Amino acid sequence: AQQRGVVADDERRMIQSVFELGDTPAREVMVPRTEM
């Protein structure tokens, strides 16, 4: 869809990020204890 111009490049990255949410644990985006 991105190649055919239906989906913009930033929209494609956003959709891919949604796919990867299930493979990303919460600790990878957390504010660490030392910065709380």
PDB file of all heavy atoms in Angstrom:
ATOM      1  N   ALA A   1       0.825  -1.210   0.000  1.00  0.00           N
ATOM      2  CA  ALA A   1       0.000   0.000   0.000  1.00  0.00           C
ATOM      3  C   ALA A   1       0.855   1.255   0.000  1.00  0.00           C
ATOM      4  O   ALA A   1       0.530   2.254  -0.646  1.00  0.00           O
ATOM      5  CB  ALA A   1      -0.931  -0.011   1.212  1.00  0.00           C
ATOM      6  N   GLN A   2       1.984   1.217   0.702  1.00  0.00           N
ATOM      7  CA  GLN A   2       2.883   2.369   0.727  1.00  0.00           C
ATOM      8  C   GLN A   2       3.531   2.587  -0.637  1.00  0.00           C
ATOM      9  O   GLN A   2       3.684   3.721  -1.104  1.00  0.00           O
ATOM     10  CB  GLN A   2       3.947   2.159   1.817  1.00  0.00           C
ATOM     11  CG  GLN A   2       4.812   3.390   2.090  1.00  0.00           C
ATOM     12  CD  GLN A   2       6.069   3.390   1.319  1.00  0.00           C
ATOM     13  OE1 GLN A   2       6.588   2.334   0.964  1.00  0.00           O
ATOM     14  NE2 GLN A   2       6.618   4.566   1.008  1.00  0.00           N
ATOM     15  N   GLN A   3       3.927   1.500  -1.301  1.00  0.00           N
ATOM     16  CA  GLN A   3       4.524   1.602  -2.622  1.00  0.00           C
ATOM     17  C   GLN A   3       3.558   2.164  -3.656  1.00  0.00           C
ATOM     18  O   GLN A   3       3.954   2.881  -4.570  1.00  0.00           O
ATOM     19  CB  GLN A   3       5.039   0.237  -3.066  1.00  0.00           C
ATOM     20  CG  GLN A   3       6.204  -0.292  -2.229  1.00  0.00           C
ATOM     21  CD  GLN A   3       6.563  -1.718  -2.584  1.00  0.00           C
ATOM     22  OE1 GLN A   3       6.017  -2.290  -3.533  1.00  0.00           O
ATOM     23  NE2 GLN A   3       7.485  -2.312  -1.834  1.00  0.00           N
ATOM     24  N   ARG A   4       2.278   1.849  -3.507  1.00  0.00           N
ATOM     25  CA  ARG A   4       1.276   2.318  -4.465  1.00  0.00           C
ATOM     26  C   ARG A   4       0.701   3.678  -4.080  1.00  0.00           C
ATOM     27  O   ARG A   4      -0.211   4.186  -4.735  1.00  0.00           O
ATOM     28  CB  ARG A   4       0.154   1.290  -4.565  1.00  0.00           C
ATOM     29  CG  ARG A   4       0.645  -0.077  -5.036  1.00  0.00           C
ATOM     30  CD  ARG A   4      -0.453  -1.112  -5.034  1.00  0.00           C
ATOM     31  NE  ARG A   4      -1.484  -0.815  -6.011  1.00  0.00           N
ATOM     32  CZ  ARG A   4      -2.537  -1.596  -6.236  1.00  0.00           C
ATOM     33  NH1 ARG A   4      -2.677  -2.721  -5.559  1.00  0.00           N
ATOM     34  NH2 ARG A   4      -3.440  -1.263  -7.143  1.00  0.00           N
ATOM     35  N   GLY A   5       1.224   4.289  -3.021  1.00  0.00           N
ATOM     36  CA  GLY A   5       0.801   5.622  -2.642  1.00  0.00           C
ATOM     37  C   GLY A   5      -0.465   5.699  -1.823  1.00  0.00           C
ATOM     38  O   GLY A   5      -0.957   6.790  -1.547  1.00  0.00           O
ATOM     39  N   VAL A   6      -1.004   4.550  -1.418  1.00  0.00           N
ATOM     40  CA  VAL A   6      -2.212   4.554  -0.612  1.00  0.00           C
ATOM     41  C   VAL A   6      -1.920   4.956   0.828  1.00  0.00           C
ATOM     42  O   VAL A   6      -2.711   5.646   1.475  1.00  0.00           O
ATOM     43  CB  VAL A   6      -2.892   3.164  -0.658  1.00  0.00           C
ATOM     44  CG1 VAL A   6      -4.155   3.155   0.185  1.00  0.00           C
ATOM     45  CG2 VAL A   6      -3.225   2.794  -2.099  1.00  0.00           C
ATOM     46  N   VAL A   7      -0.757   4.530   1.331  1.00  0.00           N
ATOM     47  CA  VAL A   7      -0.343   4.821   2.700  1.00  0.00           C
ATOM     48  C   VAL A   7       0.954   5.615   2.657  1.00  0.00           C
ATOM     49  O   VAL A   7       1.892   5.240   1.938  1.00  0.00           O
ATOM     50  CB  VAL A   7      -0.152   3.518   3.505  1.00  0.00           C
ATOM     51  CG1 VAL A   7       0.374   3.821   4.901  1.00  0.00           C
ATOM     52  CG2 VAL A   7      -1.460   2.744   3.602  1.00  0.00           C
ATOM     53  N   ALA A   8       1.021   6.706   3.407  1.00  0.00           N
ATOM     54  CA  ALA A   8       2.236   7.508   3.469  1.00  0.00           C
ATOM     55  C   ALA A   8       3.317   6.777   4.268  1.00  0.00           C
ATOM     56  O   ALA A   8       3.041   5.848   5.025  1.00  0.00           O
ATOM     57  CB  ALA A   8       1.945   8.871   4.089  1.00  0.00           C
ATOM     58  N   ASP A   9       4.552   7.240   4.106  1.00  0.00           N
ATOM     59  CA  ASP A   9       5.666   6.557   4.757  1.00  0.00           C
ATOM     60  C   ASP A   9       5.560   6.623   6.271  1.00  0.00           C
ATOM     61  O   ASP A   9       5.820   5.635   6.960  1.00  0.00           O
ATOM     62  CB  ASP A   9       6.987   7.169   4.287  1.00  0.00           C
ATOM     63  CG  ASP A   9       8.190   6.387   4.792  1.00  0.00           C
ATOM     64  OD1 ASP A   9       8.324   5.195   4.476  1.00  0.00           O
ATOM     65  OD2 ASP A   9       8.998   6.982   5.530  1.00  0.00           O
ATOM     66  N   ASP A  10       5.188   7.793   6.820  1.00  0.00           N
ATOM     67  CA  ASP A  10       5.049   7.892   8.271  1.00  0.00           C
ATOM     68  C   ASP A  10       3.880   7.058   8.774  1.00  0.00           C
ATOM     69  O   ASP A  10       3.937   6.505   9.880  1.00  0.00           O
ATOM     70  CB  ASP A  10       4.893   9.354   8.694  1.00  0.00           C
ATOM     71  CG  ASP A  10       3.762  10.052   7.983  1.00  0.00           C
ATOM     72  OD1 ASP A  10       3.266   9.505   6.972  1.00  0.00           O
ATOM     73  OD2 ASP A  10       3.359  11.160   8.422  1.00  0.00           O
ATOM     74  N   GLU A  11       2.811   6.945   7.980  1.00  0.00           N
ATOM     75  CA  GLU A  11       1.692   6.091   8.359  1.00  0.00           C
ATOM     76  C   GLU A  11       2.098   4.621   8.362  1.00  0.00           C
ATOM     77  O   GLU A  11       1.677   3.857   9.227  1.00  0.00           O
ATOM     78  CB  GLU A  11       0.515   6.316   7.412  1.00  0.00           C
ATOM     79  CG  GLU A  11      -0.094   7.708   7.507  1.00  0.00           C
ATOM     80  CD  GLU A  11      -1.145   7.936   6.438  1.00  0.00           C
ATOM     81  OE1 GLU A  11      -1.073   7.246   5.384  1.00  0.00           O
ATOM     82  OE2 GLU A  11      -2.025   8.805   6.618  1.00  0.00           O
ATOM     83  N   ARG A  12       2.933   4.220   7.385  1.00  0.00           N
ATOM     84  CA  ARG A  12       3.421   2.843   7.352  1.00  0.00           C
ATOM     85  C   ARG A  12       4.242   2.528   8.593  1.00  0.00           C
ATOM     86  O   ARG A  12       4.090   1.461   9.200  1.00  0.00           O
ATOM     87  CB  ARG A  12       4.267   2.621   6.090  1.00  0.00           C
ATOM     88  CG  ARG A  12       4.790   1.188   5.960  1.00  0.00           C
ATOM     89  CD  ARG A  12       5.780   1.072   4.828  1.00  0.00           C
ATOM     90  NE  ARG A  12       6.958   1.884   5.066  1.00  0.00           N
ATOM     91  CZ  ARG A  12       7.978   1.489   5.831  1.00  0.00           C
ATOM     92  NH1 ARG A  12       7.962   0.304   6.423  1.00  0.00           N
ATOM     93  NH2 ARG A  12       9.015   2.278   6.006  1.00  0.00           N
ATOM     94  N   ARG A  13       5.119   3.448   9.000  1.00  0.00           N
ATOM     95  CA  ARG A  13       5.920   3.227  10.207  1.00  0.00           C
ATOM     96  C   ARG A  13       5.039   3.124  11.440  1.00  0.00           C
ATOM     97  O   ARG A  13       5.314   2.333  12.348  1.00  0.00           O
ATOM     98  CB  ARG A  13       6.942   4.354  10.367  1.00  0.00           C
ATOM     99  CG  ARG A  13       8.093   4.305   9.368  1.00  0.00           C
ATOM    100  CD  ARG A  13       9.233   5.202   9.813  1.00  0.00           C
ATOM    101  NE  ARG A  13       8.821   6.596   9.848  1.00  0.00           N
ATOM    102  CZ  ARG A  13       8.973   7.441   8.847  1.00  0.00           C
ATOM    103  NH1 ARG A  13       9.525   7.027   7.719  1.00  0.00           N
ATOM    104  NH2 ARG A  13       8.578   8.704   8.965  1.00  0.00           N
ATOM    105  N   MET A  14       3.975   3.907  11.483  1.00  0.00           N
ATOM    106  CA  MET A  14       3.071   3.855  12.617  1.00  0.00           C
ATOM    107  C   MET A  14       2.360   2.502  12.688  1.00  0.00           C
ATOM    108  O   MET A  14       2.231   1.909  13.762  1.00  0.00           O
ATOM    109  CB  MET A  14       2.050   4.992  12.536  1.00  0.00           C
ATOM    110  CG  MET A  14       1.203   5.160  13.791  1.00  0.00           C
ATOM    111  SD  MET A  14      -0.009   6.513  13.607  1.00  0.00           S
ATOM    112  CE  MET A  14       1.096   7.886  13.264  1.00  0.00           C
ATOM    113  N   ILE A  15       1.910   2.006  11.530  1.00  0.00           N
ATOM    114  CA  ILE A  15       1.241   0.708  11.500  1.00  0.00           C
ATOM    115  C   ILE A  15       2.209  -0.399  11.899  1.00  0.00           C
ATOM    116  O   ILE A  15       1.854  -1.311  12.654  1.00  0.00           O
ATOM    117  CB  ILE A  15       0.644   0.450  10.108  1.00  0.00           C
ATOM    118  CG1 ILE A  15      -0.446   1.478   9.798  1.00  0.00           C
ATOM    119  CG2 ILE A  15       0.064  -0.952  10.017  1.00  0.00           C
ATOM    120  CD1 ILE A  15      -0.976   1.411   8.386  1.00  0.00           C
ATOM    121  N   GLN A  16       3.453  -0.342  11.416  1.00  0.00           N
ATOM    122  CA  GLN A  16       4.447  -1.324  11.792  1.00  0.00           C
ATOM    123  C   GLN A  16       4.721  -1.283  13.289  1.00  0.00           C
ATOM    124  O   GLN A  16       4.939  -2.317  13.931  1.00  0.00           O
ATOM    125  CB  GLN A  16       5.751  -1.085  11.014  1.00  0.00           C
ATOM    126  CG  GLN A  16       5.632  -1.225   9.508  1.00  0.00           C
ATOM    127  CD  GLN A  16       5.535  -2.666   9.057  1.00  0.00           C
ATOM    128  OE1 GLN A  16       5.399  -3.561   9.866  1.00  0.00           O
ATOM    129  NE2 GLN A  16       5.585  -2.894   7.766  1.00  0.00           N
ATOM    130  N   SER A  17       4.700  -0.089  13.882  1.00  0.00           N
ATOM    131  CA  SER A  17       4.904   0.038  15.328  1.00  0.00           C
ATOM    132  C   SER A  17       3.777  -0.629  16.103  1.00  0.00           C
ATOM    133  O   SER A  17       4.001  -1.225  17.155  1.00  0.00           O
ATOM    134  CB  SER A  17       5.015   1.517  15.711  1.00  0.00           C
ATOM    135  OG  SER A  17       6.119   2.135  15.082  1.00  0.00           O
ATOM    136  N   VAL A  18       2.556  -0.533  15.583  1.00  0.00           N
ATOM    137  CA  VAL A  18       1.431  -1.209  16.227  1.00  0.00           C
ATOM    138  C   VAL A  18       1.637  -2.722  16.201  1.00  0.00           C
ATOM    139  O   VAL A  18       1.372  -3.419  17.185  1.00  0.00           O
ATOM    140  CB  VAL A  18       0.110  -0.818  15.540  1.00  0.00           C
ATOM    141  CG1 VAL A  18      -1.044  -1.637  16.096  1.00  0.00           C
ATOM    142  CG2 VAL A  18      -0.172   0.664  15.727  1.00  0.00           C
ATOM    143  N   PHE A  19       2.134  -3.248  15.066  1.00  0.00           N
ATOM    144  CA  PHE A  19       2.415  -4.678  14.977  1.00  0.00           C
ATOM    145  C   PHE A  19       3.441  -5.109  16.008  1.00  0.00           C
ATOM    146  O   PHE A  19       3.382  -6.216  16.546  1.00  0.00           O
ATOM    147  CB  PHE A  19       2.922  -5.042  13.572  1.00  0.00           C
ATOM    148  CG  PHE A  19       1.880  -4.918  12.505  1.00  0.00           C
ATOM    149  CD1 PHE A  19       2.236  -4.641  11.198  1.00  0.00           C
ATOM    150  CD2 PHE A  19       0.552  -5.094  12.796  1.00  0.00           C
ATOM    151  CE1 PHE A  19       1.287  -4.530  10.206  1.00  0.00           C
ATOM    152  CE2 PHE A  19      -0.417  -4.980  11.807  1.00  0.00           C
ATOM    153  CZ  PHE A  19      -0.047  -4.695  10.507  1.00  0.00           C
ATOM    154  N   GLU A  20       4.413  -4.248  16.304  1.00  0.00           N
ATOM    155  CA  GLU A  20       5.521  -4.604  17.187  1.00  0.00           C
ATOM    156  C   GLU A  20       5.204  -4.407  18.661  1.00  0.00           C
ATOM    157  O   GLU A  20       6.019  -4.775  19.506  1.00  0.00           O
ATOM    158  CB  GLU A  20       6.757  -3.789  16.808  1.00  0.00           C
ATOM    159  CG  GLU A  20       7.288  -4.098  15.409  1.00  0.00           C
ATOM    160  CD  GLU A  20       8.364  -3.144  14.956  1.00  0.00           C
ATOM    161  OE1 GLU A  20       8.670  -2.201  15.731  1.00  0.00           O
ATOM    162  OE2 GLU A  20       8.881  -3.303  13.829  1.00  0.00           O
ATOM    163  N   LEU A  21       4.054  -3.815  18.987  1.00  0.00           N
ATOM    164  CA  LEU A  21       3.716  -3.586  20.390  1.00  0.00           C
ATOM    165  C   LEU A  21       3.695  -4.887  21.185  1.00  0.00           C
ATOM    166  O   LEU A  21       4.127  -4.936  22.338  1.00  0.00           O
ATOM    167  CB  LEU A  21       2.363  -2.885  20.511  1.00  0.00           C
ATOM    168  CG  LEU A  21       2.320  -1.377  20.299  1.00  0.00           C
ATOM    169  CD1 LEU A  21       0.911  -0.854  20.558  1.00  0.00           C
ATOM    170  CD2 LEU A  21       3.311  -0.666  21.200  1.00  0.00           C
ATOM    171  N   GLY A  22       3.168  -5.949  20.585  1.00  0.00           N
ATOM    172  CA  GLY A  22       3.079  -7.219  21.291  1.00  0.00           C
ATOM    173  C   GLY A  22       4.424  -7.846  21.581  1.00  0.00           C
ATOM    174  O   GLY A  22       4.537  -8.699  22.457  1.00  0.00           O
ATOM    175  N   ASP A  23       5.473  -7.425  20.843  1.00  0.00           N
ATOM    176  CA  ASP A  23       6.812  -7.972  21.045  1.00  0.00           C
ATOM    177  C   ASP A  23       7.689  -7.066  21.891  1.00  0.00           C
ATOM    178  O   ASP A  23       8.854  -7.387  22.136  1.00  0.00           O
ATOM    179  CB  ASP A  23       7.496  -8.216  19.693  1.00  0.00           C
ATOM    180  CG  ASP A  23       6.732  -9.199  18.822  1.00  0.00           C
ATOM    181  OD1 ASP A  23       6.117 -10.134  19.381  1.00  0.00           O
ATOM    182  OD2 ASP A  23       6.727  -9.024  17.578  1.00  0.00           O
ATOM    183  N   THR A  24       7.155  -5.939  22.339  1.00  0.00           N
ATOM    184  CA  THR A  24       7.929  -4.975  23.111  1.00  0.00           C
ATOM    185  C   THR A  24       7.504  -5.011  24.568  1.00  0.00           C
ATOM    186  O   THR A  24       6.354  -4.721  24.892  1.00  0.00           O
ATOM    187  CB  THR A  24       7.738  -3.552  22.551  1.00  0.00           C
ATOM    188  OG1 THR A  24       8.045  -3.528  21.150  1.00  0.00           O
ATOM    189  CG2 THR A  24       8.633  -2.568  23.279  1.00  0.00           C
ATOM    190  N   PRO A  25       8.409  -5.375  25.496  1.00  0.00           N
ATOM    191  CA  PRO A  25       8.050  -5.353  26.917  1.00  0.00           C
ATOM    192  C   PRO A  25       8.026  -3.933  27.455  1.00  0.00           C
ATOM    193  O   PRO A  25       8.663  -3.021  26.914  1.00  0.00           O
ATOM    194  CB  PRO A  25       9.166  -6.182  27.572  1.00  0.00           C
ATOM    195  CG  PRO A  25      10.335  -6.029  26.650  1.00  0.00           C
ATOM    196  CD  PRO A  25       9.765  -5.903  25.270  1.00  0.00           C
ATOM    197  N   ALA A  26       7.313  -3.752  28.547  1.00  0.00           N
ATOM    198  CA  ALA A  26       7.128  -2.419  29.118  1.00  0.00           C
ATOM    199  C   ALA A  26       8.444  -1.810  29.580  1.00  0.00           C
ATOM    200  O   ALA A  26       8.611  -0.594  29.566  1.00  0.00           O
ATOM    201  CB  ALA A  26       6.134  -2.478  30.280  1.00  0.00           C
ATOM    202  N   ARG A  27       9.418  -2.627  29.995  1.00  0.00           N
ATOM    203  CA  ARG A  27      10.677  -2.084  30.500  1.00  0.00           C
ATOM    204  C   ARG A  27      11.472  -1.337  29.440  1.00  0.00           C
ATOM    205  O   ARG A  27      12.357  -0.548  29.785  1.00  0.00           O
ATOM    206  CB  ARG A  27      11.533  -3.198  31.090  1.00  0.00           C
ATOM    207  CG  ARG A  27      11.885  -4.328  30.152  1.00  0.00           C
ATOM    208  CD  ARG A  27      12.812  -5.333  30.800  1.00  0.00           C
ATOM    209  NE  ARG A  27      12.968  -6.547  29.995  1.00  0.00           N
ATOM    210  CZ  ARG A  27      12.240  -7.627  30.153  1.00  0.00           C
ATOM    211  NH1 ARG A  27      11.316  -7.677  31.098  1.00  0.00           N
ATOM    212  NH2 ARG A  27      12.419  -8.690  29.372  1.00  0.00           N
ATOM    213  N   GLU A  28      11.195  -1.567  28.154  1.00  0.00           N
ATOM    214  CA  GLU A  28      11.940  -0.886  27.106  1.00  0.00           C
ATOM    215  C   GLU A  28      11.511   0.571  26.934  1.00  0.00           C
ATOM    216  O   GLU A  28      12.253   1.344  26.325  1.00  0.00           O
ATOM    217  CB  GLU A  28      11.792  -1.646  25.788  1.00  0.00           C
ATOM    218  CG  GLU A  28      12.473  -3.007  25.779  1.00  0.00           C
ATOM    219  CD  GLU A  28      12.573  -3.602  24.387  1.00  0.00           C
ATOM    220  OE1 GLU A  28      12.245  -2.885  23.407  1.00  0.00           O
ATOM    221  OE2 GLU A  28      12.940  -4.791  24.269  1.00  0.00           O
ATOM    222  N   VAL A  29      10.351   0.957  27.430  1.00  0.00           N
ATOM    223  CA  VAL A  29       9.883   2.337  27.280  1.00  0.00           C
ATOM    224  C   VAL A  29       9.696   3.020  28.621  1.00  0.00           C
ATOM    225  O   VAL A  29       9.245   4.155  28.685  1.00  0.00           O
ATOM    226  CB  VAL A  29       8.562   2.391  26.487  1.00  0.00           C
ATOM    227  CG1 VAL A  29       8.731   1.785  25.115  1.00  0.00           C
ATOM    228  CG2 VAL A  29       7.429   1.692  27.232  1.00  0.00           C
ATOM    229  N   MET A  30      10.037   2.367  29.724  1.00  0.00           N
ATOM    230  CA  MET A  30       9.780   2.903  31.051  1.00  0.00           C
ATOM    231  C   MET A  30      10.740   4.024  31.411  1.00  0.00           C
ATOM    232  O   MET A  30      11.818   4.173  30.825  1.00  0.00           O
ATOM    233  CB  MET A  30       9.899   1.787  32.107  1.00  0.00           C
ATOM    234  CG  MET A  30      11.326   1.325  32.341  1.00  0.00           C
ATOM    235  SD  MET A  30      11.438   0.064  33.637  1.00  0.00           S
ATOM    236  CE  MET A  30      13.220  -0.207  33.675  1.00  0.00           C
ATOM    237  N   VAL A  31      10.327   4.837  32.366  1.00  0.00           N
ATOM    238  CA  VAL A  31      11.226   5.761  33.035  1.00  0.00           C
ATOM    239  C   VAL A  31      11.948   4.963  34.113  1.00  0.00           C
ATOM    240  O   VAL A  31      11.317   4.446  35.028  1.00  0.00           O
ATOM    241  CB  VAL A  31      10.458   6.938  33.667  1.00  0.00           C
ATOM    242  CG1 VAL A  31      11.410   7.852  34.419  1.00  0.00           C
ATOM    243  CG2 VAL A  31       9.681   7.704  32.602  1.00  0.00           C
ATOM    244  N   PRO A  32      13.259   4.783  34.012  1.00  0.00           N
ATOM    245  CA  PRO A  32      13.940   3.915  34.970  1.00  0.00           C
ATOM    246  C   PRO A  32      13.860   4.425  36.389  1.00  0.00           C
ATOM    247  O   PRO A  32      13.616   5.619  36.638  1.00  0.00           O
ATOM    248  CB  PRO A  32      15.396   3.888  34.462  1.00  0.00           C
ATOM    249  CG  PRO A  32      15.516   5.038  33.565  1.00  0.00           C
ATOM    250  CD  PRO A  32      14.175   5.369  33.024  1.00  0.00           C
ATOM    251  N   ARG A  33      14.091   3.533  37.314  1.00  0.00           N
ATOM    252  CA  ARG A  33      14.007   3.837  38.743  1.00  0.00           C
ATOM    253  C   ARG A  33      14.891   5.021  39.120  1.00  0.00           C
ATOM    254  O   ARG A  33      14.488   5.865  39.935  1.00  0.00           O
ATOM    255  CB  ARG A  33      14.404   2.587  39.519  1.00  0.00           C
ATOM    256  CG  ARG A  33      14.574   2.760  41.011  1.00  0.00           C
ATOM    257  CD  ARG A  33      15.191   1.524  41.589  1.00  0.00           C
ATOM    258  NE  ARG A  33      15.478   1.639  43.009  1.00  0.00           N
ATOM    259  CZ  ARG A  33      15.028   0.817  43.921  1.00  0.00           C
ATOM    260  NH1 ARG A  33      14.266  -0.179  43.558  1.00  0.00           N
ATOM    261  NH2 ARG A  33      15.340   0.964  45.196  1.00  0.00           N
ATOM    262  N   THR A  34      16.082   5.103  38.510  1.00  0.00           N
ATOM    263  CA  THR A  34      17.012   6.173  38.852  1.00  0.00           C
ATOM    264  C   THR A  34      16.532   7.545  38.414  1.00  0.00           C
ATOM    265  O   THR A  34      17.046   8.557  38.891  1.00  0.00           O
ATOM    266  CB  THR A  34      18.385   5.885  38.231  1.00  0.00           C
ATOM    267  OG1 THR A  34      18.241   5.684  36.815  1.00  0.00           O
ATOM    268  CG2 THR A  34      18.998   4.634  38.851  1.00  0.00           C
ATOM    269  N   GLU A  35      15.586   7.616  37.482  1.00  0.00           N
ATOM    270  CA  GLU A  35      15.071   8.895  36.999  1.00  0.00           C
ATOM    271  C   GLU A  35      13.664   9.190  37.513  1.00  0.00           C
ATOM    272  O   GLU A  35      13.064  10.197  37.111  1.00  0.00           O
ATOM    273  CB  GLU A  35      15.083   8.914  35.470  1.00  0.00           C
ATOM    274  CG  GLU A  35      16.466   8.776  34.852  1.00  0.00           C
ATOM    275  CD  GLU A  35      16.448   8.846  33.344  1.00  0.00           C
ATOM    276  OE1 GLU A  35      15.386   9.213  32.784  1.00  0.00           O
ATOM    277  OE2 GLU A  35      17.480   8.536  32.720  1.00  0.00           O
ATOM    278  N   MET A  36      13.133   8.335  38.367  1.00  0.00           N
ATOM    279  CA  MET A  36      11.797   8.562  38.922  1.00  0.00           C
ATOM    280  C   MET A  36      11.800   9.733  39.894  1.00  0.00           C
ATOM    281  O   MET A  36      12.699   9.877  40.716  1.00  0.00           O
ATOM    282  CB  MET A  36      11.295   7.303  39.619  1.00  0.00           C
ATOM    283  CG  MET A  36      10.810   6.210  38.709  1.00  0.00           C
ATOM    284  SD  MET A  36      10.345   4.693  39.612  1.00  0.00           S
ATOM    285  CE  MET A  36       9.300   5.364  40.940  1.00  0.00           C
TER     286      MET A  36
END
